[in-house]
Amino acid sequence: MKKLSMVLWLGLVLTACKNKSLPDAATVLHQNQDELTQVIIYDVFSPPVSSRIYVYSSLASYEAIRHAQPGAPSIAARLHGFKPMPEPEAGKSYNYTLAATEAFFTVVHKVVFSLDSLKGYEASVRKQFQDVLDQETYDRSIAFGAAVGKAVLERAASDGYAKSRGKEKFLGSHEPGKWRPTPPDYLDGVEWCWNTMKPMALDSASQFKPVPPPVYSTDTSSAFYQVVKEVYDISVGLTDEQKTIARYWDDNPFVIEHSGHMMFANKKITPGGHWMGIAAIAAQQQKADPVMTAKTYLLTAAALYDGFIACWDEKYRSNLVRPVTVINEWFDKKWMPFLQTPPFPEYTSGHSTITAAAATVLTALYGDHIAFQDTSDLRYIGMQRHFNSFHEAAAEASISRVYGGIHYRTGVDAGARQGKQVGEWLVQKVLKP
């Protein structure tokens, strides 16, 4: 009887082992990105810095998993400043999903603060692979992923970020028409030398330099006066739909709320994080394979990163005053915009630039008429919206800044043109033969 019980027990163990299977590769990549977004929200990185985190980690993931698809090219080889990526040993077995995960988090560990929250997740992912793979394949995959991650980090170490951390504060100017800190907290300008960062695909930060903004003027017939008046007029008659659109695309990662003498912050997804979420929706909806999924994340992140560099180059060159400053001086000293004004100059609009860049890349990957339900912000603000294309979503994100009272129409229009140019350049460099 005991012998029979032992045989049955061994049979059950062997059956359980045989029934274990590797996790779905694309699902793992999506989960990895989602975990990163949670950390970015928790650590409250600025939108430009968040784009840097996304692009390096996504690149590492792609450069590892591309080997699961023979012939998939290195994208790092088409970007600026990367040495040739490590290659797997011929004839050896690898699990490239595990390698991509290791590459991804090798980078993440060096570019975020809150690692404790990631450790449990990483351990659970590794366990899923370790329970199925033989030890040699498991160890080899981990080592390969780590090597790819380190190669990506080598470029990150010389991209200008470390040097930019020692910058002086940017407090603006009291010269008429120039940006100065805005209410309610009058914070200094964020990332004022982001244009010194090394781009991924752009040849320079000023490659797609926009036309200058309207010249500051109090003349009621001037172009500048007219765009200021438009923001004010829209603000006093905002419709419910316009409020919904403004609120939906706010994506301010650190809105400071005031209640009497108390201050508290509402942490939210960044604008880049919102579009990384849209990239996830596109890949899942179109049933993209793992390599295409990784490529989608990478190219979206690269569009965001280069978009921020181009936009910030113009922001601190034109250094244009925000609507709240002018409207308080000209029309209503108590007026406040519907959205909280972010702490940097107006021209061009960051949302308009990076959303147009991301939409251009996603359109190149999946097509121009991909309808989707955007649930990227659902867990953060309880809102979702439907769009018939990526460009439709980008256009709504752009005009939302005028509805929110924080941008002039000239700033959002110029940003959208600039972002489209950035996206088209990236597509040409990376996707074209």
Protein backbone atom coordinates (compact mmCIF):
# COMPACT_ATOMS: atom_id res chain seq x y z
CA MET A 1 0.00 0.00 0.00
CA LYS A 2 2.80 2.38 0.91
CA LYS A 3 4.62 1.46 -2.30
CA LEU A 4 1.50 2.22 -4.35
CA SER A 5 1.05 5.59 -2.60
CA MET A 6 4.66 6.53 -3.37
CA VAL A 7 4.18 5.65 -7.05
CA LEU A 8 1.01 7.77 -7.21
CA TRP A 9 2.78 10.70 -5.51
CA LEU A 10 5.70 10.53 -7.94
CA GLY A 11 3.24 10.39 -10.81
CA LEU A 12 1.48 13.49 -9.59
CA VAL A 13 4.78 15.37 -9.21
CA LEU A 14 5.95 14.39 -12.69
CA THR A 15 2.58 15.34 -14.19
CA ALA A 16 2.68 18.73 -12.43
CA CYS A 17 6.18 19.38 -13.76
CA LYS A 18 5.13 18.45 -17.30
CA ASN A 19 2.09 20.71 -17.08
CA LYS A 20 4.20 23.75 -16.21
CA SER A 21 4.69 26.01 -19.19
CA LEU A 22 6.55 29.19 -19.96
CA PRO A 23 4.61 32.44 -19.54
CA ASP A 24 3.38 34.18 -22.66
CA ALA A 25 6.21 36.36 -23.94
CA ALA A 26 4.18 39.40 -25.00
CA THR A 27 2.28 39.35 -21.70
CA VAL A 28 5.55 39.43 -19.77
CA LEU A 29 6.75 42.45 -21.77
CA HIS A 30 3.51 44.30 -21.08
CA GLN A 31 3.72 43.49 -17.37
CA ASN A 32 7.33 44.68 -17.22
CA GLN A 33 6.37 48.05 -18.70
CA ASP A 34 3.41 48.39 -16.36
CA GLU A 35 5.60 47.77 -13.33
CA LEU A 36 7.99 50.46 -14.54
CA THR A 37 5.18 52.98 -14.99
CA GLN A 38 4.08 52.41 -11.39
CA VAL A 39 7.60 53.17 -10.16
CA ILE A 40 7.88 56.29 -12.33
CA ILE A 41 4.62 57.57 -10.84
CA TYR A 42 5.75 56.78 -7.30
CA ASP A 43 9.17 58.39 -7.74
CA VAL A 44 7.63 61.51 -9.36
CA PHE A 45 10.02 61.91 -12.27
CA SER A 46 9.52 64.90 -14.56
CA PRO A 47 8.09 64.13 -18.02
CA PRO A 48 11.43 64.55 -19.85
CA VAL A 49 13.28 62.36 -17.34
CA SER A 50 10.51 59.76 -17.53
CA SER A 51 10.97 59.54 -21.30
CA ARG A 52 14.67 58.81 -20.76
CA ILE A 53 13.81 55.97 -18.39
CA TYR A 54 11.33 54.49 -20.86
CA VAL A 55 13.62 54.66 -23.89
CA TYR A 56 16.71 53.03 -22.38
CA SER A 57 14.79 50.23 -20.67
CA SER A 58 12.67 49.57 -23.78
CA LEU A 59 15.75 49.51 -25.98
CA ALA A 60 17.42 46.92 -23.75
CA SER A 61 14.29 44.76 -23.84
CA TYR A 62 14.09 44.90 -27.64
CA GLU A 63 17.78 44.23 -28.23
CA ALA A 64 17.50 41.03 -26.20
CA ILE A 65 14.20 39.66 -27.48
CA ARG A 66 14.83 40.44 -31.16
CA HIS A 67 16.93 37.28 -31.33
CA ALA A 68 13.74 35.25 -30.91
CA GLN A 69 12.93 36.30 -34.49
CA PRO A 70 15.76 35.50 -36.93
CA GLY A 71 16.70 38.53 -38.97
CA ALA A 72 15.16 41.13 -36.67
CA PRO A 73 17.62 44.04 -36.89
CA SER A 74 19.34 45.89 -34.11
CA ILE A 75 17.65 49.25 -33.62
CA ALA A 76 20.48 50.47 -31.39
CA ALA A 77 22.71 50.27 -34.48
CA ARG A 78 20.53 52.93 -36.14
CA LEU A 79 20.54 55.30 -33.17
CA HIS A 80 23.26 57.67 -31.99
CA GLY A 81 26.10 56.63 -29.69
CA PHE A 82 25.52 52.92 -29.12
CA LYS A 83 28.25 50.35 -29.52
CA PRO A 84 27.33 47.01 -31.13
CA MET A 85 25.01 45.07 -28.85
CA PRO A 86 26.07 41.69 -27.38
CA GLU A 87 25.13 38.66 -29.46
CA PRO A 88 24.02 35.23 -28.18
CA GLU A 89 26.39 32.31 -28.64
CA ALA A 90 25.67 30.29 -31.75
CA GLY A 91 24.25 26.85 -31.10
CA LYS A 92 23.39 27.58 -27.47
CA SER A 93 19.87 27.60 -26.06
CA TYR A 94 18.32 30.82 -24.70
CA ASN A 95 14.97 32.03 -23.56
CA TYR A 96 14.84 35.52 -25.02
CA THR A 97 11.80 36.62 -23.04
CA LEU A 98 13.74 35.99 -19.85
CA ALA A 99 16.77 37.72 -21.36
CA ALA A 100 14.64 40.72 -22.33
CA THR A 101 13.24 40.94 -18.81
CA GLU A 102 16.73 40.82 -17.32
CA ALA A 103 17.99 43.44 -19.78
CA PHE A 104 15.00 45.67 -19.03
CA PHE A 105 15.45 45.60 -15.26
CA THR A 106 19.24 45.84 -15.45
CA VAL A 107 18.63 49.28 -16.93
CA VAL A 108 15.70 50.15 -14.68
CA HIS A 109 17.76 49.51 -11.54
CA LYS A 110 20.14 52.30 -12.55
CA VAL A 111 17.57 54.93 -13.53
CA VAL A 112 14.86 54.83 -10.84
CA PHE A 113 14.88 55.18 -7.07
CA SER A 114 12.27 52.79 -5.64
CA LEU A 115 13.79 49.36 -6.25
CA ASP A 116 12.17 47.59 -3.31
CA SER A 117 8.78 47.58 -4.98
CA LEU A 118 10.28 45.90 -8.04
CA LYS A 119 12.18 43.10 -6.35
CA GLY A 120 9.16 40.97 -5.55
CA TYR A 121 7.84 41.27 -9.08
CA GLU A 122 11.20 40.43 -10.65
CA ALA A 123 11.62 37.40 -8.41
CA SER A 124 8.17 36.11 -9.39
CA VAL A 125 8.96 36.45 -13.10
CA ARG A 126 12.30 34.67 -12.77
CA LYS A 127 10.62 31.88 -10.82
CA GLN A 128 8.18 31.23 -13.66
CA PHE A 129 11.11 30.61 -16.00
CA GLN A 130 13.31 28.78 -13.52
CA ASP A 131 10.56 26.25 -12.86
CA VAL A 132 10.47 25.27 -16.53
CA LEU A 133 13.89 25.89 -18.07
CA ASP A 134 16.94 23.74 -17.51
CA GLN A 135 19.52 25.48 -15.33
CA GLU A 136 22.02 26.10 -18.12
CA THR A 137 19.47 27.79 -20.37
CA TYR A 138 18.15 29.82 -17.46
CA ASP A 139 21.63 31.02 -16.40
CA ARG A 140 22.69 31.72 -19.97
CA SER A 141 19.56 33.78 -20.64
CA ILE A 142 20.02 35.82 -17.47
CA ALA A 143 23.66 36.49 -18.33
CA PHE A 144 22.85 37.53 -21.88
CA GLY A 145 20.11 39.89 -20.75
CA ALA A 146 22.38 41.48 -18.17
CA ALA A 147 25.07 42.00 -20.83
CA VAL A 148 22.60 43.76 -23.12
CA GLY A 149 21.39 45.96 -20.29
CA LYS A 150 24.93 46.96 -19.37
CA ALA A 151 25.71 47.82 -23.00
CA VAL A 152 22.70 50.14 -23.11
CA LEU A 153 23.69 51.72 -19.80
CA GLU A 154 27.13 52.48 -21.19
CA ARG A 155 25.56 54.93 -23.62
CA ALA A 156 23.24 56.30 -20.95
CA ALA A 157 26.26 57.18 -18.80
CA SER A 158 27.49 59.66 -21.42
CA ASP A 159 24.22 61.16 -22.71
CA GLY A 160 24.52 64.40 -20.72
CA TYR A 161 22.08 63.49 -17.95
CA ALA A 162 24.59 63.36 -15.09
CA LYS A 163 26.03 66.71 -16.09
CA SER A 164 22.58 68.28 -16.29
CA ARG A 165 21.87 67.39 -12.64
CA GLY A 166 24.32 70.06 -11.51
CA LYS A 167 22.59 72.92 -13.29
CA GLU A 168 21.64 76.18 -11.60
CA LYS A 169 17.98 77.02 -11.06
CA PHE A 170 16.12 78.75 -13.87
CA LEU A 171 14.01 81.54 -12.41
CA GLY A 172 12.91 83.20 -15.62
CA SER A 173 12.83 86.92 -16.29
CA HIS A 174 10.67 89.93 -15.48
CA GLU A 175 11.24 91.28 -18.98
CA PRO A 176 7.83 91.76 -20.68
CA GLY A 177 6.75 88.65 -22.54
CA LYS A 178 9.31 86.35 -20.92
CA TRP A 179 8.48 83.40 -18.70
CA ARG A 180 8.57 83.70 -14.96
CA PRO A 181 7.39 81.27 -12.25
CA THR A 182 3.63 80.89 -12.11
CA PRO A 183 1.04 80.43 -9.36
CA PRO A 184 0.18 78.73 -7.15
CA ASP A 185 3.69 77.64 -6.13
CA TYR A 186 6.03 79.69 -8.33
CA LEU A 187 8.43 76.81 -8.97
CA ASP A 188 11.65 77.29 -10.93
CA GLY A 189 11.86 76.09 -14.55
CA VAL A 190 12.05 72.31 -14.95
CA GLU A 191 14.89 70.72 -16.96
CA TRP A 192 15.93 73.98 -18.58
CA CYS A 193 19.00 72.43 -20.25
CA TRP A 194 17.31 69.25 -21.54
CA ASN A 195 18.36 70.30 -25.04
CA THR A 196 21.92 69.30 -24.10
CA MET A 197 20.86 65.64 -23.90
CA LYS A 198 22.12 63.34 -26.66
CA PRO A 199 19.15 62.48 -28.91
CA MET A 200 18.34 58.97 -30.06
CA ALA A 201 17.65 59.70 -33.73
CA LEU A 202 17.70 63.49 -34.15
CA ASP A 203 20.92 64.98 -35.46
CA SER A 204 20.54 67.90 -33.04
CA ALA A 205 18.03 69.36 -30.60
CA SER A 206 17.32 72.21 -33.03
CA GLN A 207 16.95 70.05 -36.16
CA PHE A 208 13.24 70.88 -36.37
CA LYS A 209 13.36 74.36 -34.92
CA PRO A 210 9.88 75.90 -35.19
CA VAL A 211 9.08 79.42 -36.33
CA PRO A 212 9.30 81.92 -33.46
CA PRO A 213 6.16 82.59 -31.41
CA PRO A 214 4.17 85.82 -31.88
CA VAL A 215 6.05 88.86 -30.62
CA TYR A 216 4.85 90.07 -27.22
CA SER A 217 2.64 93.11 -27.62
CA THR A 218 -0.12 94.87 -25.71
CA ASP A 219 -1.56 96.19 -28.97
CA THR A 220 -5.09 94.79 -29.17
CA SER A 221 -4.65 94.15 -32.91
CA SER A 222 -1.40 92.18 -32.50
CA ALA A 223 -1.15 88.43 -33.01
CA PHE A 224 0.07 87.93 -29.45
CA TYR A 225 -2.79 89.86 -27.89
CA GLN A 226 -5.27 87.84 -29.94
CA VAL A 227 -3.96 84.45 -28.80
CA VAL A 228 -3.97 85.58 -25.16
CA LYS A 229 -7.53 86.88 -25.51
CA GLU A 230 -8.59 83.58 -27.07
CA VAL A 231 -7.35 81.61 -24.05
CA TYR A 232 -9.20 83.95 -21.70
CA ASP A 233 -12.42 83.87 -23.73
CA ILE A 234 -12.41 80.07 -23.92
CA SER A 235 -11.74 79.79 -20.18
CA VAL A 236 -14.77 81.83 -19.14
CA GLY A 237 -17.10 79.76 -21.29
CA LEU A 238 -15.67 76.24 -20.97
CA THR A 239 -18.17 73.55 -21.90
CA ASP A 240 -18.45 70.29 -19.97
CA GLU A 241 -16.85 68.46 -22.91
CA GLN A 242 -13.92 70.87 -22.99
CA LYS A 243 -13.42 70.41 -19.24
CA THR A 244 -13.50 66.64 -19.68
CA ILE A 245 -10.90 66.80 -22.46
CA ALA A 246 -8.64 69.10 -20.45
CA ARG A 247 -8.88 66.93 -17.36
CA TYR A 248 -8.38 63.72 -19.32
CA TRP A 249 -5.09 64.81 -20.89
CA ASP A 250 -3.72 66.73 -17.89
CA ASP A 251 -1.17 63.98 -17.08
CA ASN A 252 0.59 66.25 -14.60
CA PRO A 253 2.79 63.89 -12.54
CA PHE A 254 2.77 66.09 -9.44
CA VAL A 255 -0.16 68.47 -9.05
CA ILE A 256 0.17 70.40 -5.79
CA GLU A 257 -3.17 70.93 -4.07
CA HIS A 258 -3.82 73.59 -1.45
CA SER A 259 -6.37 73.42 1.35
CA GLY A 260 -6.01 76.25 3.82
CA HIS A 261 -2.48 76.05 5.19
CA MET A 262 -2.03 72.47 4.00
CA MET A 263 -0.35 71.31 0.79
CA PHE A 264 -0.54 67.84 -0.70
CA ALA A 265 0.33 66.25 -4.03
CA ASN A 266 -1.74 64.11 -6.37
CA LYS A 267 0.56 61.74 -8.26
CA LYS A 268 -0.53 60.86 -11.77
CA ILE A 269 0.81 59.29 -14.93
CA THR A 270 3.16 61.44 -17.05
CA PRO A 271 2.18 62.43 -20.62
CA GLY A 272 4.84 60.01 -21.86
CA GLY A 273 3.47 57.27 -19.61
CA HIS A 274 0.03 57.87 -21.09
CA TRP A 275 1.38 57.23 -24.58
CA MET A 276 3.36 54.19 -23.48
CA GLY A 277 -0.04 52.96 -22.30
CA ILE A 278 -1.53 53.67 -25.72
CA ALA A 279 1.39 51.77 -27.28
CA ALA A 280 0.48 48.79 -25.07
CA ILE A 281 -3.17 48.99 -26.16
CA ALA A 282 -2.15 49.11 -29.83
CA ALA A 283 0.14 46.07 -29.53
CA GLN A 284 -2.41 44.04 -27.60
CA GLN A 285 -5.33 44.98 -29.85
CA GLN A 286 -3.37 44.10 -33.00
CA LYS A 287 -2.10 40.87 -31.40
CA ALA A 288 1.52 41.87 -31.96
CA ASP A 289 4.12 39.16 -31.49
CA PRO A 290 6.77 39.65 -28.76
CA VAL A 291 9.35 41.26 -31.06
CA MET A 292 6.78 43.66 -32.51
CA THR A 293 5.55 44.42 -28.99
CA ALA A 294 9.08 45.31 -27.88
CA LYS A 295 9.62 47.39 -31.02
CA THR A 296 6.36 49.26 -30.36
CA TYR A 297 7.46 50.23 -26.87
CA LEU A 298 10.93 51.21 -28.03
CA LEU A 299 9.91 53.40 -30.95
CA THR A 300 7.17 55.09 -28.94
CA ALA A 301 9.66 55.83 -26.16
CA ALA A 302 12.25 57.11 -28.64
CA ALA A 303 9.65 59.44 -30.16
CA LEU A 304 8.80 60.76 -26.71
CA TYR A 305 12.45 61.20 -25.73
CA ASP A 306 13.54 63.01 -28.90
CA GLY A 307 10.29 64.97 -28.86
CA PHE A 308 11.05 66.34 -25.41
CA ILE A 309 14.58 67.29 -26.45
CA ALA A 310 13.31 69.21 -29.50
CA CYS A 311 10.49 70.86 -27.56
CA TRP A 312 12.62 71.88 -24.58
CA ASP A 313 15.22 73.34 -26.93
CA GLU A 314 12.60 75.80 -28.15
CA LYS A 315 10.95 76.37 -24.76
CA TYR A 316 14.02 77.89 -23.19
CA ARG A 317 15.10 79.69 -26.36
CA SER A 318 11.86 81.63 -26.89
CA ASN A 319 11.19 81.60 -23.12
CA LEU A 320 7.61 82.73 -23.67
CA VAL A 321 5.37 83.88 -20.82
CA ARG A 322 2.47 81.63 -19.77
CA PRO A 323 -1.18 82.73 -20.17
CA VAL A 324 -1.81 83.02 -16.43
CA THR A 325 0.87 85.70 -16.06
CA VAL A 326 -0.45 87.86 -18.89
CA ILE A 327 -4.14 87.36 -18.15
CA ASN A 328 -3.59 88.34 -14.51
CA GLU A 329 -1.90 91.54 -15.68
CA TRP A 330 -4.26 92.42 -18.54
CA PHE A 331 -7.75 91.08 -17.82
CA ASP A 332 -8.30 89.62 -14.37
CA LYS A 333 -5.79 89.58 -11.52
CA LYS A 334 -7.67 86.71 -9.84
CA TRP A 335 -8.01 84.52 -12.94
CA MET A 336 -6.64 80.99 -12.72
CA PRO A 337 -6.49 78.41 -15.51
CA PHE A 338 -8.64 75.28 -15.38
CA LEU A 339 -5.46 73.17 -15.14
CA GLN A 340 -2.44 73.93 -12.98
CA THR A 341 0.28 75.56 -15.09
CA PRO A 342 3.42 73.38 -15.25
CA PRO A 343 6.71 75.09 -14.33
CA PHE A 344 8.39 75.87 -17.65
CA PRO A 345 7.92 78.28 -20.59
CA GLU A 346 4.95 78.07 -22.94
CA TYR A 347 6.30 77.69 -26.49
CA THR A 348 6.11 75.02 -27.85
CA SER A 349 3.59 72.78 -26.10
CA GLY A 350 5.23 69.64 -24.73
CA HIS A 351 2.01 67.62 -24.91
CA SER A 352 1.48 68.64 -28.53
CA THR A 353 5.03 67.76 -29.52
CA ILE A 354 5.43 64.38 -27.89
CA THR A 355 1.90 63.16 -28.65
CA ALA A 356 2.28 64.00 -32.35
CA ALA A 357 5.66 62.25 -32.39
CA ALA A 358 4.28 59.13 -30.71
CA ALA A 359 1.14 59.09 -32.89
CA THR A 360 3.29 59.32 -36.03
CA VAL A 361 5.37 56.32 -34.98
CA LEU A 362 2.36 54.23 -33.94
CA THR A 363 0.63 55.05 -37.23
CA ALA A 364 3.71 53.88 -39.14
CA LEU A 365 3.67 50.63 -37.18
CA TYR A 366 -0.05 49.82 -37.21
CA GLY A 367 -1.87 52.03 -39.71
CA ASP A 368 -3.80 55.27 -39.92
CA HIS A 369 -7.29 54.09 -39.00
CA ILE A 370 -6.79 52.01 -35.87
CA ALA A 371 -9.71 52.75 -33.57
CA PHE A 372 -9.09 52.07 -29.89
CA GLN A 373 -10.48 52.60 -26.41
CA ASP A 374 -7.88 54.48 -24.42
CA THR A 375 -7.89 53.01 -20.91
CA SER A 376 -4.34 54.16 -20.07
CA ASP A 377 -5.54 56.56 -17.38
CA LEU A 378 -8.47 54.53 -16.09
CA ARG A 379 -6.84 53.33 -12.89
CA TYR A 380 -5.44 56.79 -12.10
CA ILE A 381 -8.29 59.19 -12.81
CA GLY A 382 -11.20 56.83 -13.57
CA MET A 383 -11.58 58.10 -17.15
CA GLN A 384 -11.35 56.53 -20.60
CA ARG A 385 -12.02 57.79 -24.12
CA HIS A 386 -12.49 56.35 -27.60
CA PHE A 387 -10.44 57.44 -30.62
CA ASN A 388 -10.56 56.49 -34.28
CA SER A 389 -6.83 56.91 -34.84
CA PHE A 390 -3.62 57.75 -33.04
CA HIS A 391 -3.52 61.16 -34.70
CA GLU A 392 -7.05 61.90 -33.50
CA ALA A 393 -5.93 61.19 -29.93
CA ALA A 394 -2.84 63.38 -30.37
CA ALA A 395 -4.92 66.26 -31.75
CA GLU A 396 -7.26 66.10 -28.77
CA ALA A 397 -4.32 66.01 -26.36
CA SER A 398 -2.93 69.09 -28.09
CA ILE A 399 -6.05 71.26 -27.97
CA SER A 400 -6.66 70.17 -24.36
CA ARG A 401 -3.85 72.50 -23.31
CA VAL A 402 -5.75 75.51 -24.69
CA TYR A 403 -8.94 74.35 -22.94
CA GLY A 404 -6.90 73.99 -19.75
CA GLY A 405 -5.78 77.62 -20.01
CA ILE A 406 -2.07 76.84 -19.98
CA HIS A 407 -1.14 77.22 -23.69
CA TYR A 408 -1.88 79.55 -26.59
CA ARG A 409 -3.13 78.06 -29.84
CA THR A 410 0.15 79.05 -31.52
CA GLY A 411 2.07 76.97 -28.97
CA VAL A 412 0.01 73.82 -29.51
CA ASP A 413 -0.06 74.14 -33.31
CA ALA A 414 3.70 74.63 -33.55
CA GLY A 415 4.28 71.76 -31.12
CA ALA A 416 2.11 69.41 -33.18
CA ARG A 417 4.06 70.27 -36.36
CA GLN A 418 7.37 69.83 -34.56
CA GLY A 419 6.33 66.48 -33.08
CA LYS A 420 5.19 65.15 -36.45
CA GLN A 421 8.59 66.03 -37.91
CA VAL A 422 10.36 64.25 -35.06
CA GLY A 423 8.21 61.15 -35.52
CA GLU A 424 8.69 61.08 -39.30
CA TRP A 425 12.45 61.41 -38.89
CA LEU A 426 12.53 58.51 -36.44
CA VAL A 427 10.45 56.32 -38.78
CA GLN A 428 12.76 57.16 -41.68
CA LYS A 429 15.91 56.34 -39.72
CA VAL A 430 14.70 53.18 -38.01
CA LEU A 431 11.95 51.56 -40.07
CA LYS A 432 12.97 52.34 -43.65
CA PRO A 433 15.55 50.10 -45.39
